[in-house]
């Protein structure tokens, strides 16, 4: 796979983002949600995506007839995907992620078809199957929901002794999950000093608020949970770094 081929893929993704987020007014989205297939802006929006993709493919040196065919494919698929999304709740994050994922899959398919080769896909699969990549993926998976459940079970003997009515529902679990993802990333990058800054920042924000409430039990509970979470993540990250990789 050449640098030019990879540049073409990035350019297709770039113009997709431009078309979806910079060249699509809010009123177009509202019209599509309201009128569904009868919304003329749905097809105008898809046409813009097709023209942007056509420009990229032609600049990349793709045969003009093939470039037109692929750009029409991108425009048609974009209209169908957006039409499907118009029947769903636009406020749900999962539908937004699915919508963008489907668009990117189409772009990836067009890119591979324009290359006339599945070699890039094969190379990506070979890379994903490497033991170090699998170990990193496993570590990131473990610090999300599995470790959250383990920490909740470990903290269960004290959870009934504290109450914190002034917090968002499930906010603590999500903060902890993001904290572990950041800590794991910093450990894998050998940036242990930054872990200290992260913990300091959290301490200033969280424990300052707890001190103001003068709730010693809640302060100790949060401190214990934080240390347990960070310690487990540090141990996991250091363990992954020490694994013997083979060629």
C-alpha atoms as a PDB file:
ATOM      1  CA  UNK A   1       0.000   0.000   0.000  1.00  0.00           C
ATOM      2  CA  UNK A   2       1.488   3.320  -1.101  1.00  0.00           C
ATOM      3  CA  UNK A   3       1.355   6.649   0.691  1.00  0.00           C
ATOM      4  CA  UNK A   4      -0.785   8.002  -2.158  1.00  0.00           C
ATOM      5  CA  UNK A   5      -3.385   5.273  -1.638  1.00  0.00           C
ATOM      6  CA  UNK A   6      -3.541   6.004   2.088  1.00  0.00           C
ATOM      7  CA  UNK A   7      -3.835   9.715   1.357  1.00  0.00           C
ATOM      8  CA  UNK A   8      -6.868   8.971  -0.824  1.00  0.00           C
ATOM      9  CA  UNK A   9      -8.564   7.145   2.058  1.00  0.00           C
ATOM     10  CA  UNK A  10      -7.875   9.994   4.470  1.00  0.00           C
ATOM     11  CA  UNK A  11      -9.132  12.502   1.902  1.00  0.00           C
ATOM     12  CA  UNK A  12     -12.391  10.562   1.484  1.00  0.00           C
ATOM     13  CA  UNK A  13     -12.882  10.576   5.254  1.00  0.00           C
ATOM     14  CA  UNK A  14     -11.992  14.273   5.421  1.00  0.00           C
ATOM     15  CA  UNK A  15     -14.553  15.337   2.820  1.00  0.00           C
ATOM     16  CA  UNK A  16     -17.127  13.105   4.522  1.00  0.00           C
ATOM     17  CA  UNK A  17     -16.601  15.001   7.776  1.00  0.00           C
ATOM     18  CA  UNK A  18     -16.759  18.321   5.931  1.00  0.00           C
ATOM     19  CA  UNK A  19     -19.999  17.325   4.222  1.00  0.00           C
ATOM     20  CA  UNK A  20     -21.630  15.927   7.348  1.00  0.00           C
ATOM     21  CA  UNK A  21     -20.618  18.533   9.920  1.00  0.00           C
ATOM     22  CA  UNK A  22     -19.680  21.740   8.106  1.00  0.00           C
ATOM     23  CA  UNK A  23     -21.907  21.772   5.021  1.00  0.00           C
ATOM     24  CA  UNK A  24     -25.099  20.473   6.645  1.00  0.00           C
ATOM     25  CA  UNK A  25     -27.146  23.203   8.394  1.00  0.00           C
ATOM     26  CA  UNK A  26     -29.208  22.302  11.417  1.00  0.00           C
ATOM     27  CA  UNK A  27     -32.432  23.015   9.523  1.00  0.00           C
ATOM     28  CA  UNK A  28     -31.533  20.281   7.004  1.00  0.00           C
ATOM     29  CA  UNK A  29     -31.254  17.744   9.808  1.00  0.00           C
ATOM     30  CA  UNK A  30     -34.578  18.881  11.264  1.00  0.00           C
ATOM     31  CA  UNK A  31     -36.261  18.681   7.840  1.00  0.00           C
ATOM     32  CA  UNK A  32     -34.926  15.168   7.317  1.00  0.00           C
ATOM     33  CA  UNK A  33     -36.164  14.026  10.732  1.00  0.00           C
ATOM     34  CA  UNK A  34     -39.569  15.573  10.057  1.00  0.00           C
ATOM     35  CA  UNK A  35     -40.190  14.739   6.385  1.00  0.00           C
ATOM     36  CA  UNK A  36     -38.142  11.535   6.015  1.00  0.00           C
ATOM     37  CA  UNK A  37     -37.916  10.471   2.333  1.00  0.00           C
ATOM     38  CA  UNK A  38     -39.905  13.525   1.206  1.00  0.00           C
ATOM     39  CA  UNK A  39     -37.194  15.895   2.412  1.00  0.00           C
ATOM     40  CA  UNK A  40     -35.444  17.345  -0.617  1.00  0.00           C
ATOM     41  CA  UNK A  41     -32.465  18.339   1.517  1.00  0.00           C
ATOM     42  CA  UNK A  42     -31.805  14.627   2.140  1.00  0.00           C
ATOM     43  CA  UNK A  43     -30.908  14.164  -1.524  1.00  0.00           C
ATOM     44  CA  UNK A  44     -29.137  17.513  -1.743  1.00  0.00           C
ATOM     45  CA  UNK A  45     -26.971  16.520   1.213  1.00  0.00           C
ATOM     46  CA  UNK A  46     -26.204  13.133  -0.351  1.00  0.00           C
ATOM     47  CA  UNK A  47     -25.388  14.815  -3.661  1.00  0.00           C
ATOM     48  CA  UNK A  48     -22.884  17.093  -1.941  1.00  0.00           C
ATOM     49  CA  UNK A  49     -21.171  14.033  -0.496  1.00  0.00           C
ATOM     50  CA  UNK A  50     -21.086  12.441  -3.936  1.00  0.00           C
ATOM     51  CA  UNK A  51     -19.515  15.524  -5.526  1.00  0.00           C
ATOM     52  CA  UNK A  52     -16.909  15.831  -2.784  1.00  0.00           C
ATOM     53  CA  UNK A  53     -15.991  12.162  -3.154  1.00  0.00           C
ATOM     54  CA  UNK A  54     -15.855  12.529  -6.949  1.00  0.00           C
ATOM     55  CA  UNK A  55     -13.374  15.389  -6.612  1.00  0.00           C
ATOM     56  CA  UNK A  56     -11.143  13.296  -4.350  1.00  0.00           C
ATOM     57  CA  UNK A  57     -11.237  10.258  -6.644  1.00  0.00           C
ATOM     58  CA  UNK A  58     -10.473  12.300  -9.755  1.00  0.00           C
ATOM     59  CA  UNK A  59      -7.573  14.071  -8.052  1.00  0.00           C
ATOM     60  CA  UNK A  60      -6.285  10.648  -6.961  1.00  0.00           C
ATOM     61  CA  UNK A  61      -6.102   9.626 -10.612  1.00  0.00           C
ATOM     62  CA  UNK A  62      -8.997   7.166 -10.648  1.00  0.00           C
ATOM     63  CA  UNK A  63     -10.512   6.494 -14.074  1.00  0.00           C
ATOM     64  CA  UNK A  64     -13.277   9.109 -14.597  1.00  0.00           C
ATOM     65  CA  UNK A  65     -16.023   6.563 -15.322  1.00  0.00           C
ATOM     66  CA  UNK A  66     -15.057   4.510 -12.280  1.00  0.00           C
ATOM     67  CA  UNK A  67     -14.836   7.666 -10.168  1.00  0.00           C
ATOM     68  CA  UNK A  68     -18.367   8.667 -11.187  1.00  0.00           C
ATOM     69  CA  UNK A  69     -19.664   5.185 -10.379  1.00  0.00           C
ATOM     70  CA  UNK A  70     -18.033   5.159  -6.947  1.00  0.00           C
ATOM     71  CA  UNK A  71     -19.211   8.686  -6.121  1.00  0.00           C
ATOM     72  CA  UNK A  72     -22.788   7.743  -7.066  1.00  0.00           C
ATOM     73  CA  UNK A  73     -22.438   4.701  -4.794  1.00  0.00           C
ATOM     74  CA  UNK A  74     -21.289   6.933  -1.940  1.00  0.00           C
ATOM     75  CA  UNK A  75     -24.127   9.425  -2.505  1.00  0.00           C
ATOM     76  CA  UNK A  76     -26.816   6.728  -2.741  1.00  0.00           C
ATOM     77  CA  UNK A  77     -25.585   4.861   0.328  1.00  0.00           C
ATOM     78  CA  UNK A  78     -25.351   8.122   2.258  1.00  0.00           C
ATOM     79  CA  UNK A  79     -28.971   8.939   1.441  1.00  0.00           C
ATOM     80  CA  UNK A  80     -30.134   5.459   2.494  1.00  0.00           C
ATOM     81  CA  UNK A  81     -28.177   5.520   5.751  1.00  0.00           C
ATOM     82  CA  UNK A  82     -29.414   9.003   6.644  1.00  0.00           C
ATOM     83  CA  UNK A  83     -32.971   8.005   5.751  1.00  0.00           C
ATOM     84  CA  UNK A  84     -32.708   5.071   8.123  1.00  0.00           C
ATOM     85  CA  UNK A  85     -31.366   7.350  10.836  1.00  0.00           C
ATOM     86  CA  UNK A  86     -34.319   9.702  10.290  1.00  0.00           C
ATOM     87  CA  UNK A  87     -36.603   6.975  11.690  1.00  0.00           C
ATOM     88  CA  UNK A  88     -34.565   6.743  14.903  1.00  0.00           C
ATOM     89  CA  UNK A  89     -34.110   8.994  17.927  1.00  0.00           C
ATOM     90  CA  UNK A  90     -31.345  11.470  16.941  1.00  0.00           C
ATOM     91  CA  UNK A  91     -30.580  12.154  20.601  1.00  0.00           C
ATOM     92  CA  UNK A  92     -29.245   8.637  21.160  1.00  0.00           C
ATOM     93  CA  UNK A  93     -25.447   8.372  20.949  1.00  0.00           C
ATOM     94  CA  UNK A  94     -25.580   4.772  19.726  1.00  0.00           C
ATOM     95  CA  UNK A  95     -27.445   5.766  16.540  1.00  0.00           C
ATOM     96  CA  UNK A  96     -24.982   8.575  15.847  1.00  0.00           C
ATOM     97  CA  UNK A  97     -22.041   6.175  16.207  1.00  0.00           C
ATOM     98  CA  UNK A  98     -23.749   3.544  14.035  1.00  0.00           C
ATOM     99  CA  UNK A  99     -24.548   6.153  11.383  1.00  0.00           C
ATOM    100  CA  UNK A 100     -20.939   7.312  11.156  1.00  0.00           C
ATOM    101  CA  UNK A 101     -19.608   3.752  11.252  1.00  0.00           C
ATOM    102  CA  UNK A 102     -21.782   2.747   8.288  1.00  0.00           C
ATOM    103  CA  UNK A 103     -20.618   5.771   6.297  1.00  0.00           C
ATOM    104  CA  UNK A 104     -16.984   4.921   7.027  1.00  0.00           C
ATOM    105  CA  UNK A 105     -17.513   1.281   6.024  1.00  0.00           C
ATOM    106  CA  UNK A 106     -18.880   2.439   2.666  1.00  0.00           C
ATOM    107  CA  UNK A 107     -15.899   4.754   2.168  1.00  0.00           C
ATOM    108  CA  UNK A 108     -13.501   1.957   3.076  1.00  0.00           C
ATOM    109  CA  UNK A 109     -15.230  -0.372   0.619  1.00  0.00           C
ATOM    110  CA  UNK A 110     -15.071   2.198  -2.185  1.00  0.00           C
ATOM    111  CA  UNK A 111     -11.405   2.842  -1.433  1.00  0.00           C
ATOM    112  CA  UNK A 112     -10.534  -0.862  -1.543  1.00  0.00           C
ATOM    113  CA  UNK A 113     -12.542  -1.311  -4.742  1.00  0.00           C
ATOM    114  CA  UNK A 114     -10.775   1.642  -6.360  1.00  0.00           C
ATOM    115  CA  UNK A 115      -7.440   0.057  -5.477  1.00  0.00           C
ATOM    116  CA  UNK A 116      -8.555  -3.274  -6.899  1.00  0.00           C
ATOM    117  CA  UNK A 117      -6.867  -5.092  -4.025  1.00  0.00           C
ATOM    118  CA  UNK A 118      -7.640  -6.392  -0.548  1.00  0.00           C
ATOM    119  CA  UNK A 119      -3.983  -6.195   0.467  1.00  0.00           C
ATOM    120  CA  UNK A 120      -4.541  -3.233   2.873  1.00  0.00           C
ATOM    121  CA  UNK A 121      -7.328  -5.133   4.633  1.00  0.00           C
ATOM    122  CA  UNK A 122      -5.162  -8.243   4.870  1.00  0.00           C
ATOM    123  CA  UNK A 123      -2.291  -6.184   6.307  1.00  0.00           C
ATOM    124  CA  UNK A 124      -4.625  -4.614   8.882  1.00  0.00           C
ATOM    125  CA  UNK A 125      -5.905  -8.034   9.961  1.00  0.00           C
ATOM    126  CA  UNK A 126      -2.344  -9.333  10.251  1.00  0.00           C
ATOM    127  CA  UNK A 127      -1.481  -6.358  12.468  1.00  0.00           C
ATOM    128  CA  UNK A 128      -4.557  -6.866  14.651  1.00  0.00           C
ATOM    129  CA  UNK A 129      -3.643 -10.528  15.160  1.00  0.00           C
ATOM    130  CA  UNK A 130      -0.211  -9.684  16.595  1.00  0.00           C
ATOM    131  CA  UNK A 131       0.098 -10.737  20.277  1.00  0.00           C
ATOM    132  CA  UNK A 132       1.066  -7.265  21.518  1.00  0.00           C
ATOM    133  CA  UNK A 133      -1.966  -5.706  19.839  1.00  0.00           C
ATOM    134  CA  UNK A 134      -4.268  -8.360  21.295  1.00  0.00           C
ATOM    135  CA  UNK A 135      -2.763  -7.841  24.760  1.00  0.00           C
ATOM    136  CA  UNK A 136      -3.290  -4.079  24.579  1.00  0.00           C
ATOM    137  CA  UNK A 137      -6.876  -4.571  23.390  1.00  0.00           C
ATOM    138  CA  UNK A 138      -7.515  -7.010  26.244  1.00  0.00           C
ATOM    139  CA  UNK A 139      -6.087  -4.561  28.777  1.00  0.00           C
ATOM    140  CA  UNK A 140      -8.300  -1.725  27.533  1.00  0.00           C
ATOM    141  CA  UNK A 141     -11.329  -4.010  27.662  1.00  0.00           C
ATOM    142  CA  UNK A 142     -10.545  -5.111  31.209  1.00  0.00           C
ATOM    143  CA  UNK A 143     -10.341  -1.562  32.598  1.00  0.00           C
ATOM    144  CA  UNK A 144     -13.852  -0.740  31.397  1.00  0.00           C
ATOM    145  CA  UNK A 145     -16.870  -2.696  32.595  1.00  0.00           C
ATOM    146  CA  UNK A 146     -15.119  -5.812  34.021  1.00  0.00           C
ATOM    147  CA  UNK A 147     -12.895  -3.817  36.383  1.00  0.00           C
ATOM    148  CA  UNK A 148     -15.805  -1.531  37.310  1.00  0.00           C
ATOM    149  CA  UNK A 149     -17.778  -4.583  38.447  1.00  0.00           C
ATOM    150  CA  UNK A 150     -14.790  -5.980  40.351  1.00  0.00           C
ATOM    151  CA  UNK A 151     -14.201  -2.672  42.154  1.00  0.00           C
ATOM    152  CA  UNK A 152     -17.898  -2.335  42.993  1.00  0.00           C
ATOM    153  CA  UNK A 153     -17.847  -5.814  44.529  1.00  0.00           C
ATOM    154  CA  UNK A 154     -14.668  -5.033  46.469  1.00  0.00           C
ATOM    155  CA  UNK A 155     -16.227  -1.815  47.802  1.00  0.00           C
ATOM    156  CA  UNK A 156     -19.577  -3.408  48.617  1.00  0.00           C
ATOM    157  CA  UNK A 157     -18.910  -3.858  52.377  1.00  0.00           C
ATOM    158  CA  UNK A 158     -18.720  -0.056  52.734  1.00  0.00           C
ATOM    159  CA  UNK A 159     -21.144   1.098  50.024  1.00  0.00           C
ATOM    160  CA  UNK A 160     -24.188   0.996  52.305  1.00  0.00           C
ATOM    161  CA  UNK A 161     -22.463   3.189  54.902  1.00  0.00           C
ATOM    162  CA  UNK A 162     -22.166   6.204  52.609  1.00  0.00           C
ATOM    163  CA  UNK A 163     -24.637   8.250  50.618  1.00  0.00           C
ATOM    164  CA  UNK A 164     -23.940  10.880  47.991  1.00  0.00           C
ATOM    165  CA  UNK A 165     -27.313  12.241  46.814  1.00  0.00           C
ATOM    166  CA  UNK A 166     -25.786  15.252  45.051  1.00  0.00           C
ATOM    167  CA  UNK A 167     -24.235  13.334  42.141  1.00  0.00           C
ATOM    168  CA  UNK A 168     -25.394  12.344  38.673  1.00  0.00           C
ATOM    169  CA  UNK A 169     -26.715   8.823  38.118  1.00  0.00           C
ATOM    170  CA  UNK A 170     -23.823   6.444  37.266  1.00  0.00           C
ATOM    171  CA  UNK A 171     -21.437   9.401  36.954  1.00  0.00           C
ATOM    172  CA  UNK A 172     -18.956   7.896  39.399  1.00  0.00           C
ATOM    173  CA  UNK A 173     -18.686   4.660  37.430  1.00  0.00           C
ATOM    174  CA  UNK A 174     -18.139   6.504  34.168  1.00  0.00           C
ATOM    175  CA  UNK A 175     -15.583   8.855  35.690  1.00  0.00           C
ATOM    176  CA  UNK A 176     -13.749   5.840  37.060  1.00  0.00           C
ATOM    177  CA  UNK A 177     -13.835   4.126  33.678  1.00  0.00           C
ATOM    178  CA  UNK A 178     -12.398   7.159  31.890  1.00  0.00           C
ATOM    179  CA  UNK A 179      -9.815   7.551  34.634  1.00  0.00           C
ATOM    180  CA  UNK A 180      -8.650   3.947  34.179  1.00  0.00           C
ATOM    181  CA  UNK A 181      -8.475   4.348  30.396  1.00  0.00           C
ATOM    182  CA  UNK A 182      -6.286   7.428  30.832  1.00  0.00           C
ATOM    183  CA  UNK A 183      -4.071   5.775  33.446  1.00  0.00           C
ATOM    184  CA  UNK A 184      -3.620   2.654  31.316  1.00  0.00           C
ATOM    185  CA  UNK A 185      -2.715   4.753  28.274  1.00  0.00           C
ATOM    186  CA  UNK A 186      -0.171   6.758  30.270  1.00  0.00           C
ATOM    187  CA  UNK A 187       1.388   3.607  31.735  1.00  0.00           C
ATOM    188  CA  UNK A 188       1.679   1.963  28.317  1.00  0.00           C
ATOM    189  CA  UNK A 189       3.318   5.153  27.018  1.00  0.00           C
ATOM    190  CA  UNK A 190       5.718   5.099  30.005  1.00  0.00           C
ATOM    191  CA  UNK A 191       4.393   8.456  31.209  1.00  0.00           C
ATOM    192  CA  UNK A 192       4.075   7.576  34.886  1.00  0.00           C
ATOM    193  CA  UNK A 193       4.664  11.179  35.946  1.00  0.00           C
ATOM    194  CA  UNK A 194       1.496  12.199  34.123  1.00  0.00           C
ATOM    195  CA  UNK A 195      -0.443   9.653  36.196  1.00  0.00           C
ATOM    196  CA  UNK A 196       0.534  11.650  39.270  1.00  0.00           C
ATOM    197  CA  UNK A 197      -0.747  14.866  37.703  1.00  0.00           C
ATOM    198  CA  UNK A 198      -4.020  13.124  36.829  1.00  0.00           C
ATOM    199  CA  UNK A 199      -4.518  11.924  40.399  1.00  0.00           C
ATOM    200  CA  UNK A 200      -3.624  15.364  41.753  1.00  0.00           C
ATOM    201  CA  UNK A 201      -6.184  17.040  39.504  1.00  0.00           C
ATOM    202  CA  UNK A 202      -8.883  14.599  40.587  1.00  0.00           C
ATOM    203  CA  UNK A 203      -7.956  15.049  44.244  1.00  0.00           C
ATOM    204  CA  UNK A 204      -8.227  18.824  44.015  1.00  0.00           C
ATOM    205  CA  UNK A 205     -11.670  18.611  42.414  1.00  0.00           C
ATOM    206  CA  UNK A 206     -13.189  15.693  44.298  1.00  0.00           C
ATOM    207  CA  UNK A 207     -11.699  15.796  47.743  1.00  0.00           C
ATOM    208  CA  UNK A 208     -12.038  19.572  48.024  1.00  0.00           C
ATOM    209  CA  UNK A 209     -15.776  19.131  47.522  1.00  0.00           C
ATOM    210  CA  UNK A 210     -15.906  16.285  50.032  1.00  0.00           C
ATOM    211  CA  UNK A 211     -14.024  18.314  52.641  1.00  0.00           C
ATOM    212  CA  UNK A 212     -16.567  21.085  52.257  1.00  0.00           C
ATOM    213  CA  UNK A 213     -19.330  18.596  53.096  1.00  0.00           C
ATOM    214  CA  UNK A 214     -17.407  17.354  56.143  1.00  0.00           C
ATOM    215  CA  UNK A 215     -18.404  13.769  55.347  1.00  0.00           C
ATOM    216  CA  UNK A 216     -15.458  11.682  56.514  1.00  0.00           C
ATOM    217  CA  UNK A 217     -16.952   8.321  55.583  1.00  0.00           C
ATOM    218  CA  UNK A 218     -17.687   9.415  52.029  1.00  0.00           C
ATOM    219  CA  UNK A 219     -14.197  10.899  51.700  1.00  0.00           C
ATOM    220  CA  UNK A 220     -12.584   7.651  52.840  1.00  0.00           C
ATOM    221  CA  UNK A 221     -14.862   5.641  50.555  1.00  0.00           C
ATOM    222  CA  UNK A 222     -13.969   7.720  47.488  1.00  0.00           C
ATOM    223  CA  UNK A 223     -10.268   7.648  48.370  1.00  0.00           C
ATOM    224  CA  UNK A 224     -10.321   3.875  48.781  1.00  0.00           C
ATOM    225  CA  UNK A 225     -12.150   3.386  45.492  1.00  0.00           C
ATOM    226  CA  UNK A 226      -9.762   5.701  43.645  1.00  0.00           C
ATOM    227  CA  UNK A 227      -6.656   4.001  45.011  1.00  0.00           C
ATOM    228  CA  UNK A 228      -8.068   0.560  44.266  1.00  0.00           C
ATOM    229  CA  UNK A 229      -8.947   1.568  40.708  1.00  0.00           C
ATOM    230  CA  UNK A 230      -5.590   3.223  39.989  1.00  0.00           C
ATOM    231  CA  UNK A 231      -3.561   0.454  41.624  1.00  0.00           C
ATOM    232  CA  UNK A 232      -5.294  -2.254  39.610  1.00  0.00           C
ATOM    233  CA  UNK A 233      -4.854  -0.288  36.385  1.00  0.00           C
ATOM    234  CA  UNK A 234      -1.186   0.435  37.103  1.00  0.00           C
ATOM    235  CA  UNK A 235      -0.557  -3.244  37.795  1.00  0.00           C
ATOM    236  CA  UNK A 236      -2.320  -4.255  34.590  1.00  0.00           C
ATOM    237  CA  UNK A 237      -0.448  -1.699  32.476  1.00  0.00           C
ATOM    238  CA  UNK A 238       2.933  -2.652  33.926  1.00  0.00           C
ATOM    239  CA  UNK A 239       2.150  -6.338  33.388  1.00  0.00           C
ATOM    240  CA  UNK A 240       1.338  -5.734  29.719  1.00  0.00           C
ATOM    241  CA  UNK A 241       4.589  -3.815  29.285  1.00  0.00           C
ATOM    242  CA  UNK A 242       6.568  -6.731  30.729  1.00  0.00           C
ATOM    243  CA  UNK A 243       5.074  -9.407  28.485  1.00  0.00           C
ATOM    244  CA  UNK A 244       7.679 -11.068  26.222  1.00  0.00           C
ATOM    245  CA  UNK A 245       6.699 -10.356  22.631  1.00  0.00           C
ATOM    246  CA  UNK A 246       7.720 -12.693  19.850  1.00  0.00           C
ATOM    247  CA  UNK A 247       8.158 -11.833  16.209  1.00  0.00           C
END
